Amino acid sequence: MREGQRTIERWLPTLEFHIHSNEDVWKLAVAAIVARALQERRRLTPSARPRLLVSGGSTPAPVFRALSQSTLDWPHVDIALVDERWLPSTDPDSNAHLVREHLLRGAARDARFELLARPNRSIETAVSDANLHAKHPADIVMLGMGDDGHTASLFPRMRDLNRALATPLAYIAVDASGCPGAGPWPRRISLTPAGLAPAGVRMLLIRGQQKRALLERVVKGTDPHEYPVRLAFTTPGAILQVHWCA
């Protein structure tokens, strides 16, 4: 069906594919959906703090900039990370740095930002803190997909993948050594399927023909060991809303 400049295709019972005509339409549409969901959560439960989980990488940066211009009750919004490389939060290669540069600006600077990697703490303590925060489940989770089909910091054939799939914890520390998609940062903290499941809005943001072709391969199976991004639509809970533009 048509919705403005957006085409929506139902690929699976658990996945909707939203096609946007260009990047400007894509970023504004996604930012508007996220803003409305945060506003609705606040309207339904005025005492609640809506919680948004965001991913790193270059793909979501335009959406972050558009979302930062939304008129929201930002001091009552919590923003946290889907995953993080085990780097100082000020490191330019950290996801925290990306969020600060592109989302936490203007009025959105007043949102409460939950870091995963904190100074002078071990990775085990950081994971414990993340799981304490996760007792307040996310309302919205914005995921990405790597060229290898990874999502969050869950990589194909990763040695810690089975543990991530089975844990009841929302976050775990992982070792992605030997996974090309992890680059030079094998030590990471990642959201798990257990952390994803409670979110009322589940989104996957992708751009370009290569990512669309990859997603078309991904949806033909369900094994997360081959493509961990399959967790986004096989984990019980909300339908996955995929938003794509060329």
Protein backbone atom coordinates (compact mmCIF):
# COMPACT_ATOMS: atom_id res chain seq x y z
CA MET A 1 0.00 0.00 0.00
CA ARG A 2 1.00 3.62 -0.40
CA GLU A 3 1.56 6.02 2.49
CA GLY A 4 2.80 9.31 1.09
CA GLN A 5 6.15 8.55 -0.49
CA ARG A 6 6.46 5.24 1.30
CA THR A 7 5.61 1.76 0.03
CA ILE A 8 4.99 -0.94 2.63
CA GLU A 9 5.45 -4.59 1.72
CA ARG A 10 4.70 -7.48 4.07
CA TRP A 11 7.59 -9.90 3.55
CA LEU A 12 6.93 -12.18 6.52
CA PRO A 13 4.29 -12.35 9.27
CA THR A 14 6.94 -10.86 11.57
CA LEU A 15 8.44 -8.27 9.17
CA GLU A 16 7.22 -5.22 7.25
CA PHE A 17 9.44 -3.67 4.59
CA HIS A 18 9.07 0.11 4.22
CA ILE A 19 10.49 1.57 1.00
CA HIS A 20 11.26 5.30 1.02
CA SER A 21 11.81 7.27 -2.16
CA ASN A 22 15.09 8.91 -1.08
CA GLU A 23 17.31 9.51 1.94
CA ASP A 24 15.59 12.75 2.95
CA VAL A 25 12.17 11.08 3.03
CA TRP A 26 13.68 8.06 4.81
CA LYS A 27 15.35 9.99 7.62
CA LEU A 28 12.37 12.28 8.25
CA ALA A 29 9.88 9.40 8.21
CA VAL A 30 11.90 7.30 10.64
CA ALA A 31 12.53 10.27 12.96
CA ALA A 32 8.79 11.06 12.95
CA ILE A 33 7.87 7.45 13.80
CA VAL A 34 10.34 7.38 16.70
CA ALA A 35 9.20 10.78 17.99
CA ARG A 36 5.54 9.73 17.88
CA ALA A 37 6.27 6.50 19.72
CA LEU A 38 8.15 8.36 22.46
CA GLN A 39 5.35 10.92 22.76
CA GLU A 40 2.71 8.19 22.93
CA ARG A 41 4.56 6.36 25.67
CA ARG A 42 4.76 9.58 27.66
CA ARG A 43 1.08 10.36 27.04
CA LEU A 44 -0.11 6.92 28.14
CA THR A 45 2.06 6.89 31.27
CA PRO A 46 2.98 10.48 32.24
CA SER A 47 5.21 9.28 35.07
CA ALA A 48 7.22 7.01 32.74
CA ARG A 49 10.52 7.79 31.08
CA PRO A 50 10.36 6.57 27.47
CA ARG A 51 13.49 4.57 26.63
CA LEU A 52 15.12 4.47 23.20
CA LEU A 53 17.96 2.13 22.22
CA VAL A 54 20.05 3.19 19.23
CA SER A 55 22.76 1.56 17.13
CA GLY A 56 26.06 2.89 15.87
CA GLY A 57 27.54 2.94 12.38
CA SER A 58 27.12 5.53 9.65
CA THR A 59 23.59 4.52 8.63
CA PRO A 60 21.55 6.08 11.48
CA ALA A 61 23.42 9.40 11.68
CA PRO A 62 20.98 11.31 9.37
CA VAL A 63 18.04 9.93 11.37
CA PHE A 64 19.68 11.04 14.62
CA ARG A 65 20.11 14.57 13.30
CA ALA A 66 16.46 14.71 12.20
CA LEU A 67 15.24 13.24 15.49
CA SER A 68 17.25 15.78 17.49
CA GLN A 69 15.04 18.50 15.99
CA SER A 70 11.82 16.90 17.24
CA THR A 71 9.81 18.73 19.87
CA LEU A 72 9.84 16.22 22.72
CA ASP A 73 10.01 16.30 26.48
CA TRP A 74 13.68 15.43 26.14
CA PRO A 75 14.61 15.74 29.85
CA HIS A 76 12.27 12.79 30.47
CA VAL A 77 13.65 10.59 27.66
CA ASP A 78 16.29 7.93 28.25
CA ILE A 79 18.64 7.03 25.39
CA ALA A 80 20.85 3.95 25.55
CA LEU A 81 22.99 1.94 23.16
CA VAL A 82 22.23 -1.35 21.47
CA ASP A 83 25.92 -2.18 21.65
CA GLU A 84 29.34 -0.68 22.15
CA ARG A 85 32.95 -1.39 21.35
CA TRP A 86 35.06 -1.62 24.51
CA LEU A 87 36.50 1.86 24.03
CA PRO A 88 36.38 5.09 26.04
CA SER A 89 33.09 6.85 25.34
CA THR A 90 35.06 9.83 24.02
CA ASP A 91 36.86 7.73 21.40
CA PRO A 92 35.76 8.76 17.86
CA ASP A 93 35.25 5.07 17.01
CA SER A 94 32.79 4.52 19.86
CA ASN A 95 29.04 4.44 19.35
CA ALA A 96 28.69 6.86 22.26
CA HIS A 97 30.69 9.44 20.33
CA LEU A 98 28.40 9.03 17.31
CA VAL A 99 25.29 9.55 19.44
CA ARG A 100 26.72 12.64 21.10
CA GLU A 101 27.73 14.14 17.75
CA HIS A 102 24.48 13.51 15.87
CA LEU A 103 21.62 12.98 18.35
CA LEU A 104 22.43 14.67 21.65
CA ARG A 105 22.38 18.21 20.32
CA GLY A 106 19.96 21.11 20.52
CA ALA A 107 17.02 20.32 22.79
CA ALA A 108 17.87 16.61 22.61
CA ARG A 109 21.01 17.36 24.62
CA ASP A 110 18.75 17.27 27.70
CA ALA A 111 17.92 13.56 27.25
CA ARG A 112 19.52 11.18 29.73
CA PHE A 113 22.20 9.16 27.95
CA GLU A 114 23.21 5.78 29.39
CA LEU A 115 26.78 4.84 28.52
CA LEU A 116 27.80 1.21 28.19
CA ALA A 117 31.55 1.72 28.50
CA ARG A 118 32.33 3.80 31.58
CA PRO A 119 35.70 5.07 32.78
CA ASN A 120 37.56 3.10 35.46
CA ARG A 121 35.17 0.15 35.34
CA SER A 122 35.75 -3.38 34.13
CA ILE A 123 33.72 -4.73 31.24
CA GLU A 124 32.00 -7.10 33.69
CA THR A 125 30.89 -4.18 35.87
CA ALA A 126 29.73 -2.28 32.79
CA VAL A 127 27.59 -5.24 31.72
CA SER A 128 26.12 -5.51 35.21
CA ASP A 129 25.22 -1.81 35.13
CA ALA A 130 23.65 -2.18 31.68
CA ASN A 131 21.47 -5.02 32.91
CA LEU A 132 20.32 -2.93 35.87
CA HIS A 133 19.25 -0.18 33.46
CA ALA A 134 17.53 -2.79 31.28
CA LYS A 135 15.15 -3.64 34.11
CA HIS A 136 13.37 -0.61 32.63
CA PRO A 137 12.72 -2.26 29.21
CA ALA A 138 13.23 -0.32 26.01
CA ASP A 139 10.18 1.12 24.29
CA ILE A 140 11.93 1.46 20.92
CA VAL A 141 14.97 -0.37 19.56
CA MET A 142 16.67 0.88 16.39
CA LEU A 143 18.89 -1.81 14.89
CA GLY A 144 21.34 -1.84 12.02
CA MET A 145 22.71 -4.60 9.78
CA GLY A 146 26.32 -5.09 8.75
CA ASP A 147 27.49 -6.34 5.37
CA ASP A 148 28.02 -9.76 7.00
CA GLY A 149 24.49 -9.88 8.40
CA HIS A 150 25.43 -8.99 11.96
CA THR A 151 23.27 -6.84 14.19
CA ALA A 152 24.20 -5.19 17.49
CA SER A 153 27.57 -6.85 18.27
CA LEU A 154 26.38 -10.34 17.39
CA PHE A 155 28.46 -11.63 14.46
CA PRO A 156 28.16 -14.75 12.28
CA ARG A 157 29.81 -17.79 13.91
CA MET A 158 31.04 -15.67 16.82
CA ARG A 159 32.34 -17.80 19.70
CA ASP A 160 29.93 -16.15 22.16
CA LEU A 161 26.89 -16.31 19.91
CA ASN A 162 25.28 -19.37 21.51
CA ARG A 163 25.65 -17.77 24.93
CA ALA A 164 24.06 -14.58 23.64
CA LEU A 165 21.13 -16.53 22.16
CA ALA A 166 20.48 -18.44 25.38
CA THR A 167 21.03 -15.86 28.10
CA PRO A 168 18.09 -14.35 29.97
CA LEU A 169 20.17 -11.18 30.41
CA ALA A 170 19.54 -8.11 28.26
CA TYR A 171 23.28 -7.42 27.75
CA ILE A 172 26.43 -9.52 27.71
CA ALA A 173 30.11 -8.98 27.02
CA VAL A 174 31.25 -10.72 23.83
CA ASP A 175 34.52 -11.65 22.17
CA ALA A 176 34.27 -11.22 18.41
CA SER A 177 37.87 -12.23 17.69
CA GLY A 178 38.20 -13.66 14.20
CA CYS A 179 34.98 -12.03 12.96
CA PRO A 180 35.87 -9.75 10.02
CA GLY A 181 32.87 -7.52 10.64
CA ALA A 182 34.14 -6.64 14.11
CA GLY A 183 37.23 -4.95 12.70
CA PRO A 184 39.94 -4.16 15.27
CA TRP A 185 37.45 -4.07 18.17
CA PRO A 186 36.72 -7.67 19.27
CA ARG A 187 35.77 -6.82 22.87
CA ARG A 188 32.23 -5.49 22.97
CA ILE A 189 29.01 -5.22 24.94
CA SER A 190 25.86 -6.25 23.09
CA LEU A 191 22.12 -6.37 23.46
CA THR A 192 20.74 -9.91 23.33
CA PRO A 193 17.41 -11.34 22.11
CA ALA A 194 16.23 -11.21 25.74
CA GLY A 195 16.91 -7.46 25.76
CA LEU A 196 15.19 -6.94 22.41
CA ALA A 197 12.03 -8.92 23.17
CA PRO A 198 10.16 -6.43 25.41
CA ALA A 199 10.41 -3.44 23.04
CA GLY A 200 7.08 -2.25 21.69
CA VAL A 201 8.67 -0.81 18.53
CA ARG A 202 11.40 -2.75 16.73
CA MET A 203 13.11 -1.11 13.73
CA LEU A 204 15.89 -2.03 11.30
CA LEU A 205 17.43 0.84 9.32
CA ILE A 206 19.24 0.03 6.06
CA ARG A 207 20.26 1.90 2.94
CA GLY A 208 21.44 0.92 -0.53
CA GLN A 209 20.85 -1.90 -3.00
CA GLN A 210 23.55 -4.10 -1.46
CA LYS A 211 21.82 -4.10 1.93
CA ARG A 212 18.44 -4.78 0.35
CA ALA A 213 19.86 -7.76 -1.56
CA LEU A 214 21.43 -9.05 1.66
CA LEU A 215 18.14 -8.72 3.53
CA GLU A 216 16.37 -10.66 0.77
CA ARG A 217 18.80 -13.52 1.47
CA VAL A 218 18.45 -13.14 5.22
CA VAL A 219 14.66 -13.56 5.23
CA LYS A 220 14.89 -16.90 3.39
CA GLY A 221 16.07 -18.62 6.57
CA THR A 222 15.92 -18.46 10.33
CA ASP A 223 19.35 -19.66 11.53
CA PRO A 224 20.98 -16.77 13.43
CA HIS A 225 24.40 -18.43 13.27
CA GLU A 226 24.49 -17.67 9.55
CA TYR A 227 22.98 -14.19 9.83
CA PRO A 228 22.48 -12.93 13.40
CA VAL A 229 20.23 -10.13 12.13
CA ARG A 230 17.56 -12.83 11.84
CA LEU A 231 17.10 -12.36 15.57
CA ALA A 232 15.38 -9.09 14.75
CA PHE A 233 12.38 -10.89 13.25
CA THR A 234 12.55 -14.33 14.91
CA THR A 235 12.68 -13.11 18.52
CA PRO A 236 9.10 -13.13 19.86
CA GLY A 237 7.55 -9.72 20.31
CA ALA A 238 6.84 -6.75 18.08
CA ILE A 239 6.87 -6.97 14.29
CA LEU A 240 10.16 -5.80 12.78
CA GLN A 241 9.72 -2.58 10.83
CA VAL A 242 12.46 -2.40 8.17
CA HIS A 243 13.01 1.07 6.72
CA TRP A 244 15.03 1.23 3.51
CA CYS A 245 16.01 3.74 0.85
CA ALA A 246 18.31 3.34 -2.14
